[in-house]
Each structure stands twice: as structure tokens, then as C-alpha cells.
Amino acid sequence: MRFRKVTMFDSVTVAEIPLEAEAVAGYVDGQWQTFPELVTKFPHAAKLAIAVDPAHNARCLDVERGDATNASAVEWVKRQLAAGRKRPILYTSVSNWPALEADLKAGGVRRGFPGRRRYHRWSAHYTGTPHRCDRNCWPGFKGKAGATQYTNHADGRNLDASLCSGGFLR
């Protein structure tokens, strides 16, 4: 069964997110804790909770400078899986994905059975064009991302937009 693709929005300024958004993402920790406001402002939207600190639990971990590192992401994924959370999400730039996956593999986080990862991949690749990253986006990037953040200025605002596979937010 195939699910339709969805555009997910996030911003450190919640007012920038369109009220009709089908999917929204926000932070549970760090400098911009937007997730609690998203829960009340977007009751009908799919919501993705993001942690920037690997000591915290959320559906997603932000792996970029100033937030979690590749090494801490490995331990975070292991902890999420051990707690019974299915397919935690990791967010990082398309250029970092090959190194992050090498670290995950070296840390014992395997892809799972053929074609299925034990985690979802959310890539950042600012082309301005909605897409999900694949091997054509970056050398060493294998397979296809579950979601790709393709702009940080959607609709000319301080607004990130990501194209997500239908199963990414389930």
C-alpha cells in the first residue's frame, strides 16, 4: 500500500507555519521549544517532536553543529530502540548522511532486514525544489530519504519545508 507524500513545515517562529499545514515539526528542548505550542495550534496536523540534545527522548534527533553529534546519535538510536520505539528519525544534512550511517553501522545499528532501516532518514538539502534525497543528491548517499527539508524560506518566510514519504510520519 502506497501513501501520498506530505509537506511538513517547521519554524522557530510558530506563527510562520501555515494554519492549514498537514504536518508540523518542532523542538522539545533547546533554545526554541516550539513543540508544546504546535500541539495546541495544530490539533489536526501530524506532529513530529525533535530533540537537539541526545539526552532527551523525542521521535527525532537533530544531528548538526551545535546539537547532537554523529557519535551521540548512535547511542540515542540504540536507547530509542531498546525502549521499544519503532524507527526513530535522524535529521542531518545530506552531506553528513554517509558518515552518520558509517558511525551507526560501526556502533552496531544495522539496517535491519533487506530494504528496511531501523531508523528513518530526514535529510537537509536546500535545492528549493521538493524532493526526497537519493543517490543522485550526494556521493555516498544510498537509498532514499524518508523526508528531505528542501528550503528554509518556504513562501518567502522564515519557514522550513520538507517533502515526506507517506510512511515517514506514521
Protein backbone atom coordinates (compact mmCIF):
# COMPACT_ATOMS: atom_id res chain seq x y z
CA MET A 1 0.00 0.00 0.00
CA ARG A 2 1.42 3.38 -1.01
CA PHE A 3 0.76 6.57 0.90
CA ARG A 4 0.73 10.02 -0.60
CA LYS A 5 3.58 12.40 0.06
CA VAL A 6 3.11 15.18 2.61
CA THR A 7 4.78 18.57 3.07
CA MET A 8 5.85 19.16 6.66
CA PHE A 9 6.61 22.65 7.98
CA ASP A 10 8.74 23.82 10.90
CA SER A 11 9.97 27.16 12.14
CA VAL A 12 11.37 28.63 15.33
CA THR A 13 8.55 31.17 14.89
CA VAL A 14 5.37 29.08 15.06
CA ALA A 15 3.29 31.96 13.61
CA GLU A 16 5.14 31.43 10.30
CA ILE A 17 3.65 27.95 9.85
CA PRO A 18 0.51 27.90 7.66
CA LEU A 19 -2.59 27.11 9.72
CA GLU A 20 -3.69 24.55 7.12
CA ALA A 21 -0.43 22.56 7.41
CA GLU A 22 -0.98 18.80 7.30
CA ALA A 23 2.27 18.10 9.16
CA VAL A 24 4.41 20.17 11.52
CA ALA A 25 7.65 19.65 13.42
CA GLY A 26 9.02 21.35 16.49
CA TYR A 27 11.58 21.16 19.27
CA VAL A 28 11.05 19.65 22.71
CA ASP A 29 14.28 21.13 24.08
CA GLY A 30 16.99 23.63 23.27
CA GLN A 31 16.66 27.36 22.67
CA TRP A 32 13.40 27.15 20.67
CA GLN A 33 10.97 24.79 22.39
CA THR A 34 8.13 25.04 19.86
CA PHE A 35 6.56 21.60 20.14
CA PRO A 36 4.12 22.38 23.01
CA GLU A 37 2.69 25.31 21.01
CA LEU A 38 2.34 23.14 17.89
CA VAL A 39 0.28 20.60 19.83
CA THR A 40 -2.35 23.21 20.65
CA LYS A 41 -2.18 25.34 17.49
CA PHE A 42 -2.31 22.41 15.02
CA PRO A 43 -4.64 19.82 16.56
CA HIS A 44 -5.38 18.08 13.25
CA ALA A 45 -1.85 18.06 11.82
CA ALA A 46 0.63 15.20 12.10
CA LYS A 47 3.28 16.32 14.58
CA LEU A 48 6.96 15.44 14.84
CA ALA A 49 8.80 16.09 18.11
CA ILE A 50 12.51 16.89 17.68
CA ALA A 51 15.25 16.81 20.33
CA VAL A 52 18.52 18.70 19.88
CA ASP A 53 20.06 17.18 23.00
CA PRO A 54 20.67 13.41 22.76
CA ALA A 55 19.91 13.09 26.48
CA HIS A 56 16.24 13.78 25.67
CA ASN A 57 13.68 11.50 24.09
CA ALA A 58 11.64 12.55 21.07
CA ARG A 59 10.59 10.95 17.80
CA CYS A 60 13.53 12.69 16.04
CA LEU A 61 17.07 13.76 16.88
CA ASP A 62 18.66 16.81 15.22
CA VAL A 63 22.24 15.93 14.25
CA GLU A 64 24.07 19.09 13.25
CA ARG A 65 26.59 21.59 14.57
CA GLY A 66 25.53 22.85 18.00
CA ASP A 67 23.13 19.94 18.52
CA ALA A 68 23.73 16.17 18.62
CA THR A 69 26.89 14.68 17.11
CA ASN A 70 27.14 11.55 14.97
CA ALA A 71 28.58 9.64 17.95
CA SER A 72 25.81 10.74 20.30
CA ALA A 73 23.21 9.91 17.64
CA VAL A 74 24.37 6.28 17.64
CA GLU A 75 23.75 5.96 21.39
CA TRP A 76 20.44 7.85 21.10
CA VAL A 77 19.15 5.44 18.41
CA LYS A 78 20.19 2.44 20.50
CA ARG A 79 18.36 3.88 23.50
CA GLN A 80 15.21 4.58 21.48
CA LEU A 81 15.17 1.07 20.01
CA ALA A 82 15.82 -0.53 23.42
CA ALA A 83 12.84 1.41 24.79
CA GLY A 84 10.65 -0.14 22.09
CA ARG A 85 10.34 2.95 19.90
CA LYS A 86 9.92 1.91 16.29
CA ARG A 87 12.09 3.57 13.67
CA PRO A 88 13.37 6.73 15.36
CA ILE A 89 14.12 9.59 12.99
CA LEU A 90 17.52 11.21 12.50
CA TYR A 91 17.82 14.63 10.83
CA THR A 92 21.09 15.78 9.29
CA SER A 93 22.45 17.36 6.12
CA VAL A 94 22.66 15.21 3.02
CA SER A 95 26.44 15.68 3.10
CA ASN A 96 26.67 14.16 6.62
CA TRP A 97 24.49 11.12 5.95
CA PRO A 98 27.25 8.83 4.61
CA ALA A 99 29.42 9.49 7.71
CA LEU A 100 26.47 9.17 10.10
CA GLU A 101 25.45 5.85 8.58
CA ALA A 102 29.02 4.58 8.80
CA ASP A 103 29.04 5.54 12.50
CA LEU A 104 25.65 3.85 13.05
CA LYS A 105 26.90 0.67 11.41
CA ALA A 106 30.17 0.73 13.39
CA GLY A 107 28.13 1.28 16.56
CA GLY A 108 26.03 -1.80 15.91
CA VAL A 109 22.91 -0.15 14.50
CA ARG A 110 22.24 -2.25 11.44
CA ARG A 111 19.96 -1.53 8.54
CA GLY A 112 17.54 -4.26 9.57
CA PHE A 113 16.06 -6.74 7.13
CA PRO A 114 16.66 -6.08 3.40
CA GLY A 115 15.49 -2.68 2.29
CA ARG A 116 14.31 -1.60 5.75
CA ARG A 117 16.30 0.55 8.10
CA ARG A 118 15.84 0.51 11.84
CA TYR A 119 15.60 4.33 11.69
CA HIS A 120 14.16 6.93 9.31
CA ARG A 121 16.40 9.36 7.45
CA TRP A 122 15.43 13.04 7.23
CA SER A 123 17.94 14.93 5.11
CA ALA A 124 18.53 18.65 4.71
CA HIS A 125 19.26 19.55 1.09
CA TYR A 126 18.32 23.13 0.21
CA THR A 127 17.63 23.00 -3.51
CA GLY A 128 14.37 24.93 -3.28
CA THR A 129 12.68 22.05 -5.12
CA PRO A 130 10.55 19.50 -3.26
CA HIS A 131 12.33 16.14 -3.39
CA ARG A 132 13.46 13.22 -1.26
CA CYS A 133 17.20 12.73 -1.39
CA ASP A 134 18.59 9.72 -3.22
CA ARG A 135 21.99 8.62 -4.55
CA ASN A 136 21.96 11.50 -7.08
CA CYS A 137 21.96 14.12 -4.32
CA TRP A 138 25.32 13.39 -2.70
CA PRO A 139 28.23 10.97 -3.23
CA GLY A 140 27.87 8.01 -0.89
CA PHE A 141 24.20 8.65 -0.10
CA LYS A 142 22.45 5.33 -0.60
CA GLY A 143 18.77 4.54 -0.94
CA LYS A 144 16.16 7.24 -0.48
CA ALA A 145 15.47 9.56 2.43
CA GLY A 146 12.13 9.27 4.20
CA ALA A 147 11.96 13.07 4.10
CA THR A 148 14.04 15.96 2.81
CA GLN A 149 13.99 19.54 4.03
CA TYR A 150 14.41 21.37 0.74
CA THR A 151 14.06 25.02 1.79
CA ASN A 152 14.31 27.25 4.83
CA HIS A 153 12.37 30.09 3.19
CA ALA A 154 9.07 28.50 2.10
CA ASP A 155 6.54 31.07 0.92
CA GLY A 156 9.22 33.74 1.44
CA ARG A 157 9.04 33.28 5.23
CA ASN A 158 11.34 32.03 7.98
CA LEU A 159 9.83 28.62 7.32
CA ASP A 160 11.36 25.22 6.64
CA ALA A 161 9.54 22.84 4.31
CA SER A 162 10.20 19.11 3.94
CA LEU A 163 8.77 16.60 1.50
CA CYS A 164 7.93 13.41 3.41
CA SER A 165 7.09 9.94 2.20
CA GLY A 166 3.64 8.78 3.18
CA GLY A 167 5.03 6.40 5.78
CA PHE A 168 7.54 8.81 7.33
CA LEU A 169 5.15 10.31 9.87
CA ARG A 170 3.24 7.12 10.77
